[in-house]
C-alpha atoms as a PDB file:
ATOM      1  CA  MET A   1       4.816 149.268 153.327  1.00  0.00           C
ATOM      2  CA  ALA A   2       7.177 148.413 156.163  1.00  0.00           C
ATOM      3  CA  HIS A   3       7.497 152.085 156.940  1.00  0.00           C
ATOM      4  CA  GLU A   4       6.408 155.293 155.302  1.00  0.00           C
ATOM      5  CA  GLU A   5       9.138 157.290 153.548  1.00  0.00           C
ATOM      6  CA  LEU A   6       8.903 161.053 153.686  1.00  0.00           C
ATOM      7  CA  PRO A   7       9.200 162.803 150.329  1.00  0.00           C
ATOM      8  CA  PRO A   8      12.901 163.686 149.898  1.00  0.00           C
ATOM      9  CA  LEU A   9      12.330 167.442 149.847  1.00  0.00           C
ATOM     10  CA  ASN A  10      10.540 167.289 153.203  1.00  0.00           C
ATOM     11  CA  ILE A  11      13.166 165.397 155.206  1.00  0.00           C
ATOM     12  CA  THR A  12      14.708 167.604 157.865  1.00  0.00           C
ATOM     13  CA  PRO A  13      18.273 166.779 158.970  1.00  0.00           C
ATOM     14  CA  GLY A  14      18.023 165.231 162.425  1.00  0.00           C
ATOM     15  CA  ALA A  15      14.588 163.697 161.779  1.00  0.00           C
ATOM     16  CA  ILE A  16      14.032 160.373 163.567  1.00  0.00           C
ATOM     17  CA  ARG A  17      12.009 157.350 162.411  1.00  0.00           C
ATOM     18  CA  PHE A  18      11.409 153.785 163.576  1.00  0.00           C
ATOM     19  CA  ASN A  19      12.373 151.303 160.873  1.00  0.00           C
ATOM     20  CA  THR A  20       9.913 148.408 161.203  1.00  0.00           C
ATOM     21  CA  ASP A  21      12.114 146.195 159.008  1.00  0.00           C
ATOM     22  CA  SER A  22      15.204 146.410 161.211  1.00  0.00           C
ATOM     23  CA  MET A  23      13.229 147.262 164.391  1.00  0.00           C
ATOM     24  CA  LYS A  24      15.733 150.065 165.034  1.00  0.00           C
ATOM     25  CA  LEU A  25      15.521 153.814 165.522  1.00  0.00           C
ATOM     26  CA  GLU A  26      17.180 155.810 162.724  1.00  0.00           C
ATOM     27  CA  TYR A  27      17.992 159.480 162.170  1.00  0.00           C
ATOM     28  CA  PHE A  28      18.472 161.413 158.932  1.00  0.00           C
ATOM     29  CA  ARG A  29      21.898 162.957 158.462  1.00  0.00           C
ATOM     30  CA  ILE A  30      23.232 165.284 155.795  1.00  0.00           C
ATOM     31  CA  GLY A  31      25.670 163.785 153.295  1.00  0.00           C
ATOM     32  CA  MET A  32      25.865 160.194 152.124  1.00  0.00           C
ATOM     33  CA  GLU A  33      28.537 158.023 153.739  1.00  0.00           C
ATOM     34  CA  GLY A  34      31.701 158.588 151.744  1.00  0.00           C
ATOM     35  CA  GLY A  35      29.999 161.207 149.560  1.00  0.00           C
ATOM     36  CA  SER A  36      29.677 164.968 149.339  1.00  0.00           C
ATOM     37  CA  THR A  37      28.279 166.988 152.206  1.00  0.00           C
ATOM     38  CA  SER A  38      28.020 170.186 150.165  1.00  0.00           C
ATOM     39  CA  SER A  39      24.306 169.641 149.361  1.00  0.00           C
ATOM     40  CA  TYR A  40      21.659 169.744 152.046  1.00  0.00           C
ATOM     41  CA  ALA A  41      18.321 168.029 152.488  1.00  0.00           C
ATOM     42  CA  GLY A  42      15.470 170.140 151.218  1.00  0.00           C
ATOM     43  CA  ILE A  43      17.669 172.168 148.842  1.00  0.00           C
ATOM     44  CA  GLY A  44      17.686 171.323 145.156  1.00  0.00           C
ATOM     45  CA  THR A  45      15.924 168.268 143.755  1.00  0.00           C
ATOM     46  CA  LEU A  46      17.270 165.523 146.055  1.00  0.00           C
ATOM     47  CA  ALA A  47      17.747 165.029 149.762  1.00  0.00           C
ATOM     48  CA  ALA A  48      21.538 164.668 150.041  1.00  0.00           C
ATOM     49  CA  GLY A  49      21.551 162.417 153.029  1.00  0.00           C
ATOM     50  CA  GLU A  50      20.793 159.023 154.479  1.00  0.00           C
ATOM     51  CA  TRP A  51      18.992 157.267 157.312  1.00  0.00           C
ATOM     52  CA  VAL A  52      21.469 156.022 159.930  1.00  0.00           C
ATOM     53  CA  GLN A  53      20.813 153.659 162.822  1.00  0.00           C
ATOM     54  CA  LEU A  54      20.916 155.275 166.257  1.00  0.00           C
ATOM     55  CA  THR A  55      23.506 153.617 168.463  1.00  0.00           C
ATOM     56  CA  THR A  56      24.588 154.196 172.057  1.00  0.00           C
ATOM     57  CA  ASP A  57      27.884 153.706 173.782  1.00  0.00           C
ATOM     58  CA  SER A  58      28.998 154.277 177.341  1.00  0.00           C
ATOM     59  CA  PRO A  59      31.446 152.870 179.864  1.00  0.00           C
ATOM     60  CA  ASP A  60      28.536 151.034 181.505  1.00  0.00           C
ATOM     61  CA  ILE A  61      27.777 149.183 178.264  1.00  0.00           C
ATOM     62  CA  GLN A  62      31.451 148.376 177.722  1.00  0.00           C
ATOM     63  CA  THR A  63      32.667 147.410 181.163  1.00  0.00           C
ATOM     64  CA  GLY A  64      29.827 147.761 183.668  1.00  0.00           C
ATOM     65  CA  GLY A  65      31.130 151.186 184.672  1.00  0.00           C
ATOM     66  CA  ALA A  66      33.948 153.589 183.849  1.00  0.00           C
ATOM     67  CA  ARG A  67      37.278 151.766 184.017  1.00  0.00           C
ATOM     68  CA  GLY A  68      40.596 153.393 184.942  1.00  0.00           C
ATOM     69  CA  LEU A  69      44.009 152.030 183.948  1.00  0.00           C
ATOM     70  CA  PHE A  70      47.444 152.594 185.475  1.00  0.00           C
ATOM     71  CA  SER A  71      50.391 151.530 183.317  1.00  0.00           C
ATOM     72  CA  ASN A  72      54.074 150.854 184.007  1.00  0.00           C
ATOM     73  CA  GLY A  73      56.091 152.775 186.608  1.00  0.00           C
ATOM     74  CA  TRP A  74      59.075 152.769 188.938  1.00  0.00           C
ATOM     75  CA  THR A  75      59.037 150.710 192.156  1.00  0.00           C
ATOM     76  CA  GLY A  76      62.043 152.412 193.689  1.00  0.00           C
ATOM     77  CA  SER A  77      64.393 149.673 192.516  1.00  0.00           C
ATOM     78  CA  SER A  78      63.151 148.722 189.034  1.00  0.00           C
ATOM     79  CA  ARG A  79      60.899 149.732 186.144  1.00  0.00           C
ATOM     80  CA  VAL A  80      57.877 147.516 185.483  1.00  0.00           C
ATOM     81  CA  ASP A  81      55.567 146.625 182.569  1.00  0.00           C
ATOM     82  CA  THR A  82      52.475 146.147 184.762  1.00  0.00           C
ATOM     83  CA  ILE A  83      49.053 147.485 183.720  1.00  0.00           C
ATOM     84  CA  ASP A  84      46.359 147.571 186.455  1.00  0.00           C
ATOM     85  CA  TYR A  85      42.689 148.498 186.230  1.00  0.00           C
ATOM     86  CA  ILE A  86      39.957 149.691 188.589  1.00  0.00           C
ATOM     87  CA  THR A  87      36.202 150.226 188.283  1.00  0.00           C
ATOM     88  CA  ILE A  88      35.984 153.900 189.205  1.00  0.00           C
ATOM     89  CA  SER A  89      32.443 153.794 190.636  1.00  0.00           C
ATOM     90  CA  SER A  90      33.488 151.240 193.264  1.00  0.00           C
ATOM     91  CA  THR A  91      36.319 151.074 195.777  1.00  0.00           C
ATOM     92  CA  GLY A  92      38.902 148.336 196.202  1.00  0.00           C
ATOM     93  CA  ASN A  93      42.305 147.221 195.045  1.00  0.00           C
ATOM     94  CA  ALA A  94      43.404 147.367 191.420  1.00  0.00           C
ATOM     95  CA  ILE A  95      43.346 144.180 189.312  1.00  0.00           C
ATOM     96  CA  ASP A  96      45.913 142.958 186.806  1.00  0.00           C
ATOM     97  CA  PHE A  97      45.040 143.972 183.230  1.00  0.00           C
ATOM     98  CA  GLY A  98      48.147 142.805 181.327  1.00  0.00           C
ATOM     99  CA  ASN A  99      51.572 144.079 180.334  1.00  0.00           C
ATOM    100  CA  SER A 100      52.986 146.790 178.096  1.00  0.00           C
ATOM    101  CA  THR A 101      54.978 146.016 174.947  1.00  0.00           C
ATOM    102  CA  VAL A 102      57.978 147.762 176.484  1.00  0.00           C
ATOM    103  CA  THR A 103      59.210 145.303 179.084  1.00  0.00           C
ATOM    104  CA  ALA A 104      60.076 147.895 181.714  1.00  0.00           C
ATOM    105  CA  ASN A 105      59.027 151.504 181.456  1.00  0.00           C
ATOM    106  CA  ALA A 106      58.538 154.584 183.643  1.00  0.00           C
ATOM    107  CA  ARG A 107      58.034 158.342 183.299  1.00  0.00           C
ATOM    108  CA  GLY A 108      55.624 158.026 180.357  1.00  0.00           C
ATOM    109  CA  GLY A 109      52.130 159.443 179.838  1.00  0.00           C
ATOM    110  CA  GLY A 110      48.643 158.336 178.826  1.00  0.00           C
ATOM    111  CA  THR A 111      45.657 159.364 176.687  1.00  0.00           C
ATOM    112  CA  SER A 112      42.383 157.527 176.079  1.00  0.00           C
ATOM    113  CA  SER A 113      39.047 157.355 174.276  1.00  0.00           C
ATOM    114  CA  ARG A 114      35.966 155.314 175.215  1.00  0.00           C
ATOM    115  CA  THR A 115      37.528 152.235 173.657  1.00  0.00           C
ATOM    116  CA  ARG A 116      41.321 152.583 173.767  1.00  0.00           C
ATOM    117  CA  ALA A 117      44.026 153.719 176.159  1.00  0.00           C
ATOM    118  CA  CYS A 118      47.400 154.741 174.722  1.00  0.00           C
ATOM    119  CA  PHE A 119      50.611 154.976 176.725  1.00  0.00           C
ATOM    120  CA  HIS A 120      53.521 156.905 175.245  1.00  0.00           C
ATOM    121  CA  GLY A 121      57.181 157.606 175.820  1.00  0.00           C
ATOM    122  CA  GLY A 122      59.164 156.819 178.921  1.00  0.00           C
ATOM    123  CA  PHE A 123      62.447 155.609 180.267  1.00  0.00           C
ATOM    124  CA  THR A 124      63.500 152.023 179.551  1.00  0.00           C
ATOM    125  CA  PRO A 125      66.153 153.527 178.849  1.00  0.00           C
ATOM    126  CA  TYR A 126      64.467 156.245 176.855  1.00  0.00           C
ATOM    127  CA  THR A 127      61.799 155.231 174.323  1.00  0.00           C
ATOM    128  CA  ASP A 128      59.446 156.853 171.803  1.00  0.00           C
ATOM    129  CA  VAL A 129      57.104 153.828 171.669  1.00  0.00           C
ATOM    130  CA  ILE A 130      53.305 154.259 171.870  1.00  0.00           C
ATOM    131  CA  ASP A 131      51.335 151.243 173.178  1.00  0.00           C
ATOM    132  CA  PHE A 132      47.575 150.745 173.171  1.00  0.00           C
ATOM    133  CA  VAL A 133      45.050 148.481 174.867  1.00  0.00           C
ATOM    134  CA  THR A 134      41.308 147.943 174.419  1.00  0.00           C
ATOM    135  CA  ILE A 135      39.864 149.166 177.728  1.00  0.00           C
ATOM    136  CA  SER A 136      36.821 146.867 177.812  1.00  0.00           C
ATOM    137  CA  SER A 137      39.010 143.748 177.682  1.00  0.00           C
ATOM    138  CA  THR A 138      42.079 142.591 179.554  1.00  0.00           C
ATOM    139  CA  GLY A 139      45.350 141.521 177.977  1.00  0.00           C
ATOM    140  CA  ASN A 140      48.741 142.730 176.885  1.00  0.00           C
ATOM    141  CA  ALA A 141      49.268 145.990 175.016  1.00  0.00           C
ATOM    142  CA  SER A 142      49.922 146.205 171.264  1.00  0.00           C
ATOM    143  CA  ASP A 143      52.202 148.533 169.344  1.00  0.00           C
ATOM    144  CA  PHE A 144      50.487 151.737 168.163  1.00  0.00           C
ATOM    145  CA  GLY A 145      53.375 153.703 166.631  1.00  0.00           C
ATOM    146  CA  ASN A 146      56.001 156.183 167.753  1.00  0.00           C
ATOM    147  CA  CYS A 147      56.202 159.700 169.147  1.00  0.00           C
ATOM    148  CA  LEU A 148      57.821 162.387 166.983  1.00  0.00           C
ATOM    149  CA  SER A 149      60.669 162.344 169.478  1.00  0.00           C
ATOM    150  CA  THR A 150      61.506 160.653 172.744  1.00  0.00           C
ATOM    151  CA  VAL A 151      60.022 162.540 175.704  1.00  0.00           C
ATOM    152  CA  ILE A 152      59.420 161.707 179.353  1.00  0.00           C
ATOM    153  CA  TYR A 153      57.419 163.405 182.116  1.00  0.00           C
ATOM    154  CA  GLN A 154      54.964 164.835 179.563  1.00  0.00           C
ATOM    155  CA  ALA A 155      51.272 165.722 179.902  1.00  0.00           C
ATOM    156  CA  GLY A 156      48.575 163.862 177.963  1.00  0.00           C
ATOM    157  CA  VAL A 157      45.086 165.219 177.154  1.00  0.00           C
ATOM    158  CA  SER A 158      42.451 163.621 174.951  1.00  0.00           C
ATOM    159  CA  ASN A 159      38.879 163.615 173.700  1.00  0.00           C
ATOM    160  CA  SER A 160      37.027 160.823 171.896  1.00  0.00           C
ATOM    161  CA  THR A 161      39.126 161.314 168.760  1.00  0.00           C
ATOM    162  CA  ARG A 162      42.568 162.710 169.556  1.00  0.00           C
ATOM    163  CA  GLY A 163      45.305 162.260 172.121  1.00  0.00           C
ATOM    164  CA  ILE A 164      47.719 165.192 172.564  1.00  0.00           C
ATOM    165  CA  ILE A 165      51.197 164.633 174.042  1.00  0.00           C
ATOM    166  CA  CYS A 166      52.302 167.941 175.568  1.00  0.00           C
ATOM    167  CA  GLY A 167      55.827 169.036 176.459  1.00  0.00           C
ATOM    168  CA  GLY A 168      58.215 166.844 178.414  1.00  0.00           C
ATOM    169  CA  TYR A 169      61.909 166.292 178.860  1.00  0.00           C
ATOM    170  CA  ALA A 170      63.807 165.307 175.704  1.00  0.00           C
ATOM    171  CA  PRO A 171      66.920 163.408 176.818  1.00  0.00           C
ATOM    172  CA  ALA A 172      68.587 163.503 173.383  1.00  0.00           C
ATOM    173  CA  SER A 173      69.036 167.293 173.530  1.00  0.00           C
ATOM    174  CA  PRO A 174      68.855 167.321 176.617  1.00  0.00           C
ATOM    175  CA  THR A 175      66.187 169.961 177.090  1.00  0.00           C
ATOM    176  CA  ILE A 176      62.686 170.748 178.334  1.00  0.00           C
ATOM    177  CA  VAL A 177      60.478 171.031 175.241  1.00  0.00           C
ATOM    178  CA  ASN A 178      57.444 173.116 174.294  1.00  0.00           C
ATOM    179  CA  THR A 179      56.335 170.888 171.423  1.00  0.00           C
ATOM    180  CA  MET A 180      52.958 169.152 171.281  1.00  0.00           C
ATOM    181  CA  GLN A 181      52.193 166.108 169.125  1.00  0.00           C
ATOM    182  CA  TYR A 182      48.929 164.290 168.480  1.00  0.00           C
ATOM    183  CA  ILE A 183      47.597 160.871 167.575  1.00  0.00           C
ATOM    184  CA  THR A 184      44.205 159.734 166.271  1.00  0.00           C
ATOM    185  CA  ILE A 185      43.309 157.176 168.932  1.00  0.00           C
ATOM    186  CA  ALA A 186      41.065 154.951 166.755  1.00  0.00           C
ATOM    187  CA  GLN A 187      43.887 154.436 164.264  1.00  0.00           C
ATOM    188  CA  THR A 188      47.475 153.299 164.674  1.00  0.00           C
ATOM    189  CA  GLY A 189      50.483 155.249 163.453  1.00  0.00           C
ATOM    190  CA  ASN A 190      53.087 157.783 164.429  1.00  0.00           C
ATOM    191  CA  ALA A 191      52.385 161.078 166.190  1.00  0.00           C
ATOM    192  CA  ILE A 192      52.023 164.334 164.197  1.00  0.00           C
ATOM    193  CA  ASP A 193      53.023 167.879 165.149  1.00  0.00           C
ATOM    194  CA  PHE A 194      50.205 169.828 166.843  1.00  0.00           C
ATOM    195  CA  GLY A 195      51.801 173.149 167.872  1.00  0.00           C
ATOM    196  CA  ASP A 196      53.701 174.639 170.799  1.00  0.00           C
ATOM    197  CA  LEU A 197      53.059 175.302 174.464  1.00  0.00           C
ATOM    198  CA  TYR A 198      53.687 178.938 175.389  1.00  0.00           C
ATOM    199  CA  THR A 199      55.904 177.714 178.236  1.00  0.00           C
ATOM    200  CA  ALA A 200      58.093 174.622 177.898  1.00  0.00           C
ATOM    201  CA  ILE A 201      57.221 172.148 180.671  1.00  0.00           C
ATOM    202  CA  ALA A 202      58.221 168.776 182.064  1.00  0.00           C
ATOM    203  CA  SER A 203      58.270 166.971 185.429  1.00  0.00           C
ATOM    204  CA  SER A 204      54.689 165.718 185.130  1.00  0.00           C
ATOM    205  CA  PRO A 205      52.441 168.772 184.936  1.00  0.00           C
ATOM    206  CA  GLY A 206      48.767 168.279 185.767  1.00  0.00           C
ATOM    207  CA  GLU A 207      46.371 167.706 182.872  1.00  0.00           C
ATOM    208  CA  CYS A 208      42.653 167.367 182.167  1.00  0.00           C
ATOM    209  CA  ALA A 209      40.180 167.928 179.331  1.00  0.00           C
ATOM    210  CA  SER A 210      36.639 168.541 178.193  1.00  0.00           C
ATOM    211  CA  SER A 211      35.538 167.352 174.760  1.00  0.00           C
ATOM    212  CA  THR A 212      36.837 170.611 173.276  1.00  0.00           C
ATOM    213  CA  ARG A 213      39.639 171.862 175.541  1.00  0.00           C
ATOM    214  CA  GLY A 214      42.827 170.378 176.910  1.00  0.00           C
ATOM    215  CA  ILE A 215      44.374 171.860 180.064  1.00  0.00           C
ATOM    216  CA  ILE A 216      48.037 171.629 181.144  1.00  0.00           C
ATOM    217  CA  ALA A 217      48.983 173.023 184.571  1.00  0.00           C
ATOM    218  CA  GLY A 218      52.227 173.638 186.442  1.00  0.00           C
ATOM    219  CA  GLY A 219      55.364 171.593 185.848  1.00  0.00           C
ATOM    220  CA  TRP A 220      59.020 172.504 185.592  1.00  0.00           C
ATOM    221  CA  ASN A 221      60.748 174.584 182.898  1.00  0.00           C
ATOM    222  CA  GLY A 222      64.300 173.379 183.536  1.00  0.00           C
ATOM    223  CA  SER A 223      65.086 175.883 186.270  1.00  0.00           C
ATOM    224  CA  ASP A 224      61.854 176.747 188.091  1.00  0.00           C
ATOM    225  CA  ARG A 225      58.600 175.108 189.106  1.00  0.00           C
ATOM    226  CA  LEU A 226      55.590 176.753 187.498  1.00  0.00           C
ATOM    227  CA  ASN A 227      52.102 177.844 188.526  1.00  0.00           C
ATOM    228  CA  ASN A 228      50.767 178.724 185.071  1.00  0.00           C
ATOM    229  CA  ILE A 229      47.830 176.925 183.444  1.00  0.00           C
ATOM    230  CA  GLN A 230      47.752 176.575 179.640  1.00  0.00           C
ATOM    231  CA  PHE A 231      44.927 175.470 177.345  1.00  0.00           C
ATOM    232  CA  ILE A 232      44.484 174.174 173.797  1.00  0.00           C
ATOM    233  CA  THR A 233      41.519 173.442 171.528  1.00  0.00           C
ATOM    234  CA  ILE A 234      41.874 169.708 170.862  1.00  0.00           C
ATOM    235  CA  SER A 235      40.138 169.578 167.467  1.00  0.00           C
ATOM    236  CA  THR A 236      42.409 172.215 165.905  1.00  0.00           C
ATOM    237  CA  LEU A 237      46.144 172.585 165.410  1.00  0.00           C
ATOM    238  CA  GLY A 238      47.956 175.489 167.036  1.00  0.00           C
ATOM    239  CA  ASN A 239      49.727 176.890 170.042  1.00  0.00           C
ATOM    240  CA  ALA A 240      48.535 176.921 173.649  1.00  0.00           C
ATOM    241  CA  GLY A 241      47.038 179.982 175.346  1.00  0.00           C
ATOM    242  CA  ASP A 242      47.094 181.279 178.910  1.00  0.00           C
ATOM    243  CA  PHE A 243      44.269 180.043 181.149  1.00  0.00           C
ATOM    244  CA  GLY A 244      45.296 181.319 184.607  1.00  0.00           C
ATOM    245  CA  ASP A 245      47.374 180.167 187.578  1.00  0.00           C
ATOM    246  CA  LEU A 246      47.421 177.378 190.155  1.00  0.00           C
ATOM    247  CA  THR A 247      47.065 178.266 193.847  1.00  0.00           C
ATOM    248  CA  THR A 248      50.693 177.164 194.382  1.00  0.00           C
ATOM    249  CA  THR A 249      53.744 176.754 192.177  1.00  0.00           C
ATOM    250  CA  ARG A 250      54.484 173.041 191.762  1.00  0.00           C
ATOM    251  CA  ALA A 251      55.474 170.089 189.574  1.00  0.00           C
ATOM    252  CA  GLY A 252      55.149 166.313 189.886  1.00  0.00           C
ATOM    253  CA  MET A 253      51.356 166.254 190.040  1.00  0.00           C
ATOM    254  CA  SER A 254      48.438 164.725 188.164  1.00  0.00           C
ATOM    255  CA  GLY A 255      45.050 165.950 187.019  1.00  0.00           C
ATOM    256  CA  CYS A 256      41.738 164.625 185.708  1.00  0.00           C
ATOM    257  CA  SER A 257      38.232 165.908 185.092  1.00  0.00           C
ATOM    258  CA  ASN A 258      34.649 165.383 184.150  1.00  0.00           C
ATOM    259  CA  ALA A 259      33.318 167.518 181.293  1.00  0.00           C
ATOM    260  CA  ILE A 260      33.015 170.584 183.545  1.00  0.00           C
ATOM    261  CA  ARG A 261      35.544 170.593 186.378  1.00  0.00           C
ATOM    262  CA  GLY A 262      39.227 169.672 186.445  1.00  0.00           C
ATOM    263  CA  VAL A 263      41.075 168.842 189.678  1.00  0.00           C
ATOM    264  CA  PHE A 264      44.881 168.802 190.099  1.00  0.00           C
ATOM    265  CA  SER A 265      46.294 166.736 192.941  1.00  0.00           C
ATOM    266  CA  ALA A 266      49.248 167.443 195.238  1.00  0.00           C
ATOM    267  CA  GLY A 267      52.781 167.821 193.848  1.00  0.00           C
ATOM    268  CA  GLU A 268      56.372 168.738 194.535  1.00  0.00           C
ATOM    269  CA  VAL A 269      57.288 172.212 195.771  1.00  0.00           C
ATOM    270  CA  ALA A 270      60.386 171.200 197.798  1.00  0.00           C
ATOM    271  CA  PRO A 271      59.011 169.849 200.038  1.00  0.00           C
ATOM    272  CA  ASN A 272      55.962 168.011 198.682  1.00  0.00           C
ATOM    273  CA  VAL A 273      52.431 169.306 199.316  1.00  0.00           C
ATOM    274  CA  ASN A 274      48.954 167.723 199.471  1.00  0.00           C
ATOM    275  CA  THR A 275      47.172 170.695 197.888  1.00  0.00           C
ATOM    276  CA  MET A 276      44.338 170.005 195.437  1.00  0.00           C
ATOM    277  CA  ASP A 277      43.112 172.759 193.087  1.00  0.00           C
ATOM    278  CA  TYR A 278      40.158 172.918 190.715  1.00  0.00           C
ATOM    279  CA  ILE A 279      39.148 174.888 187.636  1.00  0.00           C
ATOM    280  CA  THR A 280      36.036 175.207 185.487  1.00  0.00           C
ATOM    281  CA  ILE A 281      37.332 174.082 182.084  1.00  0.00           C
ATOM    282  CA  ALA A 282      35.033 176.198 179.888  1.00  0.00           C
ATOM    283  CA  THR A 283      36.143 179.460 181.533  1.00  0.00           C
ATOM    284  CA  LEU A 284      39.468 181.224 182.012  1.00  0.00           C
ATOM    285  CA  GLY A 285      40.833 182.137 185.442  1.00  0.00           C
ATOM    286  CA  ASN A 286      42.871 181.048 188.405  1.00  0.00           C
ATOM    287  CA  ALA A 287      42.457 177.712 190.184  1.00  0.00           C
ATOM    288  CA  ILE A 288      40.600 177.468 193.507  1.00  0.00           C
ATOM    289  CA  ASP A 289      41.388 175.291 196.517  1.00  0.00           C
ATOM    290  CA  PHE A 290      39.497 171.967 196.367  1.00  0.00           C
ATOM    291  CA  GLY A 291      40.799 170.151 199.464  1.00  0.00           C
ATOM    292  CA  ASP A 292      43.735 167.927 200.367  1.00  0.00           C
ATOM    293  CA  ALA A 293      45.126 164.690 198.994  1.00  0.00           C
ATOM    294  CA  GLN A 294      45.712 161.830 201.435  1.00  0.00           C
ATOM    295  CA  ARG A 295      49.462 162.389 201.332  1.00  0.00           C
ATOM    296  CA  ASN A 296      52.017 165.075 200.728  1.00  0.00           C
ATOM    297  CA  GLY A 297      53.523 163.700 197.573  1.00  0.00           C
ATOM    298  CA  GLN A 298      54.023 163.557 193.858  1.00  0.00           C
ATOM    299  CA  TYR A 299      51.011 161.911 192.171  1.00  0.00           C
ATOM    300  CA  TYR A 300      51.885 160.636 188.690  1.00  0.00           C
ATOM    301  CA  GLY A 301      48.692 158.979 187.445  1.00  0.00           C
ATOM    302  CA  ALA A 302      45.014 159.979 187.398  1.00  0.00           C
ATOM    303  CA  CYS A 303      41.823 158.712 185.745  1.00  0.00           C
ATOM    304  CA  ALA A 304      38.178 159.738 185.910  1.00  0.00           C
ATOM    305  CA  SER A 305      34.508 159.027 185.349  1.00  0.00           C
ATOM    306  CA  SER A 306      31.814 161.682 184.999  1.00  0.00           C
ATOM    307  CA  THR A 307      31.515 161.837 188.797  1.00  0.00           C
ATOM    308  CA  ARG A 308      34.856 160.721 190.299  1.00  0.00           C
ATOM    309  CA  GLY A 309      38.555 161.364 189.922  1.00  0.00           C
ATOM    310  CA  CYS A 310      41.112 158.769 191.071  1.00  0.00           C
ATOM    311  CA  TYR A 311      44.798 159.560 191.740  1.00  0.00           C
ATOM    312  CA  SER A 312      47.686 157.169 192.278  1.00  0.00           C
ATOM    313  CA  MET A 313      51.358 156.307 191.525  1.00  0.00           C
ATOM    314  CA  VAL A 314      52.507 158.281 194.541  1.00  0.00           C
ATOM    315  CA  GLU A 315      55.985 159.195 195.716  1.00  0.00           C
ATOM    316  CA  ALA A 316      55.148 160.401 199.217  1.00  0.00           C
ATOM    317  CA  SER A 317      56.834 162.436 201.948  1.00  0.00           C
ATOM    318  CA  SER A 318      55.088 160.703 204.838  1.00  0.00           C
ATOM    319  CA  PRO A 319      55.954 157.932 205.031  1.00  0.00           C
ATOM    320  CA  VAL A 320      58.900 158.672 202.777  1.00  0.00           C
ATOM    321  CA  GLY A 321      58.899 156.486 199.696  1.00  0.00           C
ATOM    322  CA  ILE A 322      56.759 155.038 196.938  1.00  0.00           C
ATOM    323  CA  VAL A 323      53.319 153.825 198.031  1.00  0.00           C
ATOM    324  CA  SER A 324      50.486 151.857 196.415  1.00  0.00           C
ATOM    325  CA  ASP A 325      47.684 154.242 197.485  1.00  0.00           C
ATOM    326  CA  ILE A 326      44.758 155.194 195.244  1.00  0.00           C
ATOM    327  CA  ASP A 327      42.823 158.334 196.315  1.00  0.00           C
ATOM    328  CA  TYR A 328      39.458 159.468 194.995  1.00  0.00           C
ATOM    329  CA  ILE A 329      37.370 162.646 194.986  1.00  0.00           C
ATOM    330  CA  GLN A 330      33.829 163.552 193.906  1.00  0.00           C
ATOM    331  CA  PHE A 331      33.930 166.295 191.262  1.00  0.00           C
ATOM    332  CA  ALA A 332      30.619 167.851 192.320  1.00  0.00           C
ATOM    333  CA  SER A 333      31.743 168.483 195.892  1.00  0.00           C
ATOM    334  CA  ILE A 334      34.723 170.213 197.453  1.00  0.00           C
ATOM    335  CA  GLY A 335      36.670 168.346 200.103  1.00  0.00           C
ATOM    336  CA  ASP A 336      39.566 166.074 200.925  1.00  0.00           C
ATOM    337  CA  ALA A 337      40.431 162.921 199.000  1.00  0.00           C
ATOM    338  CA  ILE A 338      39.284 159.527 200.322  1.00  0.00           C
ATOM    339  CA  ASP A 339      41.021 156.149 200.255  1.00  0.00           C
ATOM    340  CA  PHE A 340      39.974 154.009 197.264  1.00  0.00           C
ATOM    341  CA  GLY A 341      42.319 151.011 197.568  1.00  0.00           C
ATOM    342  CA  ASP A 342      45.784 150.036 196.352  1.00  0.00           C
ATOM    343  CA  LEU A 343      47.639 149.295 193.140  1.00  0.00           C
ATOM    344  CA  SER A 344      48.834 145.720 192.611  1.00  0.00           C
ATOM    345  CA  GLN A 345      52.338 146.961 193.444  1.00  0.00           C
ATOM    346  CA  ALA A 346      53.659 150.210 194.873  1.00  0.00           C
ATOM    347  CA  ARG A 347      55.065 152.324 192.065  1.00  0.00           C
ATOM    348  CA  THR A 348      55.291 155.848 190.722  1.00  0.00           C
ATOM    349  CA  ALA A 349      55.922 157.705 187.451  1.00  0.00           C
ATOM    350  CA  GLY A 350      53.577 155.787 185.110  1.00  0.00           C
ATOM    351  CA  GLY A 351      50.760 156.541 182.683  1.00  0.00           C
ATOM    352  CA  ALA A 352      46.990 156.460 183.230  1.00  0.00           C
ATOM    353  CA  GLY A 353      43.718 156.671 181.316  1.00  0.00           C
ATOM    354  CA  SER A 354      40.016 155.818 181.429  1.00  0.00           C
ATOM    355  CA  ASN A 355      36.952 155.355 179.221  1.00  0.00           C
ATOM    356  CA  GLY A 356      34.842 157.875 181.139  1.00  0.00           C
ATOM    357  CA  HIS A 357      36.912 161.056 181.592  1.00  0.00           C
ATOM    358  CA  GLY A 358      35.788 164.601 180.841  1.00  0.00           C
ATOM    359  CA  GLY A 359      37.262 164.725 177.363  1.00  0.00           C
ATOM    360  CA  LEU A 360      34.684 162.149 176.277  1.00  0.00           C
ATOM    361  CA  GLY A 361      31.737 164.439 177.084  1.00  0.00           C
END
């Protein structure tokens, strides 16, 4: 025999074997592929399950390290379709990845899995288009589908399965919205209603995620800047709940995380600030001071690996204007941001994503 089969009634779900035919490790899972999962191994007369090959996937296998993408933006005189990428574990300037399907776009958002980054909404003039790229490659974006409605300055949170587009400014109304919509990142198609934020927000709130929770912090409700932090459970549908408060009321910021800690960078309080806050995603409570960003400014794009967060697309107060800076922090420590490098062109108000952020576990 190539390998010894256990009697069906004795197979425990999660059991592991080495298949000497395929020379691969396999595990036993409940439920045949495409079949019923209502019966369990060891119950009844048959083991309702199958042996499945163990596979591994990580940003290091895909790209040699977690890769961060920055898409589109506003240069101060024009909107652009540029997509840049960085290797988050290193430092240095961003490299050209390709171009979006929308020829010139700004004020959109981003979500991502280990394989795909999706960029949604924006001002071209206004659009509801969702683009996607395969993170491990380089090249131009492809059409994914459309948002439920056209929104700009929204938050985007994601895990390995779903991307959630939260709030934003709807120019058709015009109004600040509390709606959330979701996409299944591995598929293509239009967004679907998820639920409602408890406070309508726009003006680029900060965002981050673990594999189970999405966090949306600060923003603008149409009349006031906010300090509230909201959370959702990504795998369900429903409305957001209250998490706590930021250390300062602000909008125009960005956020990213590993699976444990989320960090929100800088923002606009009239004038701009360089404050960075952090939270522990699995808990509830108020944010704590993390350190300072390199500049007082509005940071509109962030991406992350399991150890680092990178922030860019900055509209700064000193010097006044749009800069090409990329900052980075180490999640495990507390302290000021450090220079990483520069984007291929100075711009602000774009989307960002990575294949190593906290929502991916």
